[in-house]
C-alpha atoms as a PDB file:
ATOM      1  CA  MET A   1      33.850 106.727  77.324  1.00  0.00           C
ATOM      2  CA  LYS A   2      37.369 105.831  78.302  1.00  0.00           C
ATOM      3  CA  VAL A   3      39.534 107.064  81.161  1.00  0.00           C
ATOM      4  CA  PHE A   4      43.326 106.882  80.972  1.00  0.00           C
ATOM      5  CA  PHE A   5      45.502 107.515  84.007  1.00  0.00           C
ATOM      6  CA  THR A   6      48.886 106.743  85.530  1.00  0.00           C
ATOM      7  CA  ILE A   7      49.685 105.226  88.917  1.00  0.00           C
ATOM      8  CA  ASN A   8      53.014 106.819  89.858  1.00  0.00           C
ATOM      9  CA  GLU A   9      55.862 105.385  91.936  1.00  0.00           C
ATOM     10  CA  ALA A  10      54.139 106.567  95.146  1.00  0.00           C
ATOM     11  CA  GLY A  11      50.830 104.859  94.234  1.00  0.00           C
ATOM     12  CA  GLU A  12      49.026 108.133  93.418  1.00  0.00           C
ATOM     13  CA  VAL A  13      46.699 108.620  90.465  1.00  0.00           C
ATOM     14  CA  GLU A  14      47.963 111.257  88.034  1.00  0.00           C
ATOM     15  CA  ASN A  15      47.722 112.368  84.411  1.00  0.00           C
ATOM     16  CA  ILE A  16      43.974 111.658  84.097  1.00  0.00           C
ATOM     17  CA  LYS A  17      42.595 111.927  80.566  1.00  0.00           C
ATOM     18  CA  VAL A  18      39.016 111.264  79.524  1.00  0.00           C
ATOM     19  CA  HIS A  19      37.780 110.500  76.012  1.00  0.00           C
ATOM     20  CA  SER A  20      34.078 111.291  75.827  1.00  0.00           C
ATOM     21  CA  PRO A  21      31.725 113.396  73.686  1.00  0.00           C
ATOM     22  CA  TYR A  22      30.231 114.992  76.838  1.00  0.00           C
ATOM     23  CA  PRO A  23      32.333 117.759  78.487  1.00  0.00           C
ATOM     24  CA  VAL A  24      30.272 117.686  81.701  1.00  0.00           C
ATOM     25  CA  LEU A  25      30.932 113.965  82.156  1.00  0.00           C
ATOM     26  CA  ASN A  26      34.629 114.480  81.379  1.00  0.00           C
ATOM     27  CA  GLU A  27      35.004 116.799  84.349  1.00  0.00           C
ATOM     28  CA  GLU A  28      32.981 114.517  86.625  1.00  0.00           C
ATOM     29  CA  LEU A  29      35.090 111.482  85.723  1.00  0.00           C
ATOM     30  CA  LYS A  30      38.283 113.440  86.419  1.00  0.00           C
ATOM     31  CA  ARG A  31      36.875 114.542  89.778  1.00  0.00           C
ATOM     32  CA  VAL A  32      35.974 110.973  90.757  1.00  0.00           C
ATOM     33  CA  PHE A  33      39.336 109.547  89.687  1.00  0.00           C
ATOM     34  CA  ARG A  34      41.140 112.227  91.736  1.00  0.00           C
ATOM     35  CA  LEU A  35      39.366 110.772  94.802  1.00  0.00           C
ATOM     36  CA  THR A  36      40.831 107.313  94.206  1.00  0.00           C
ATOM     37  CA  PRO A  37      42.809 106.083  97.237  1.00  0.00           C
ATOM     38  CA  HIS A  38      46.521 105.321  96.964  1.00  0.00           C
ATOM     39  CA  MET A  39      47.343 102.074  95.194  1.00  0.00           C
ATOM     40  CA  LEU A  40      50.331  99.786  95.090  1.00  0.00           C
ATOM     41  CA  PRO A  41      52.669 100.975  92.335  1.00  0.00           C
ATOM     42  CA  GLY A  42      53.931  98.651  89.647  1.00  0.00           C
ATOM     43  CA  LEU A  43      57.292  97.001  90.234  1.00  0.00           C
ATOM     44  CA  GLN A  44      60.075  96.415  87.772  1.00  0.00           C
ATOM     45  CA  GLN A  45      63.192  94.679  89.074  1.00  0.00           C
ATOM     46  CA  ARG A  46      61.778  95.235  92.579  1.00  0.00           C
ATOM     47  CA  LYS A  47      61.653  99.017  92.124  1.00  0.00           C
ATOM     48  CA  PRO A  48      58.412 101.059  91.960  1.00  0.00           C
ATOM     49  CA  VAL A  49      57.572 102.339  88.471  1.00  0.00           C
ATOM     50  CA  LYS A  50      54.775 104.333  86.855  1.00  0.00           C
ATOM     51  CA  VAL A  51      52.062 102.256  85.179  1.00  0.00           C
ATOM     52  CA  ARG A  52      49.545 103.591  82.643  1.00  0.00           C
ATOM     53  CA  PHE A  53      45.965 102.262  82.705  1.00  0.00           C
ATOM     54  CA  GLY A  54      42.889 102.664  80.539  1.00  0.00           C
ATOM     55  CA  LEU A  55      39.367 101.810  81.668  1.00  0.00           C
ATOM     56  CA  PRO A  56      36.058 101.892  79.823  1.00  0.00           C
ATOM     57  CA  VAL A  57      33.301 103.691  81.753  1.00  0.00           C
ATOM     58  CA  MET A  58      29.581 103.332  81.094  1.00  0.00           C
ATOM     59  CA  PHE A  59      26.722 105.413  82.460  1.00  0.00           C
ATOM     60  CA  LYS A  60      23.057 104.547  82.384  1.00  0.00           C
ATOM     61  CA  ALA A  61      20.960 107.596  81.678  1.00  0.00           C
ATOM     62  CA  ARG A  62      17.289 107.934  82.389  1.00  0.00           C
ATOM     63  CA  LYS A  63      14.738 110.534  81.491  1.00  0.00           C
ATOM     64  CA  VAL A  64      13.900 113.142  84.074  1.00  0.00           C
ATOM     65  CA  LYS A  65      10.192 113.701  84.637  1.00  0.00           C
ATOM     66  CA  LYS A  66       9.069 117.311  84.543  1.00  0.00           C
END
């Protein structure tokens, strides 16, 4: 799974997109990334700019006993 997002000029996470074959995990990853605290924005010529990021995400799954 991969998560793509933008850190805007104010340091907020926005435009979260998830690439995964599991819709339930897509929504959970978006929820978690919305909880991310403010970050330092990127700087270009000493001015804040939006920066796009992509991160791989891995989950370990285990069987549930019945």
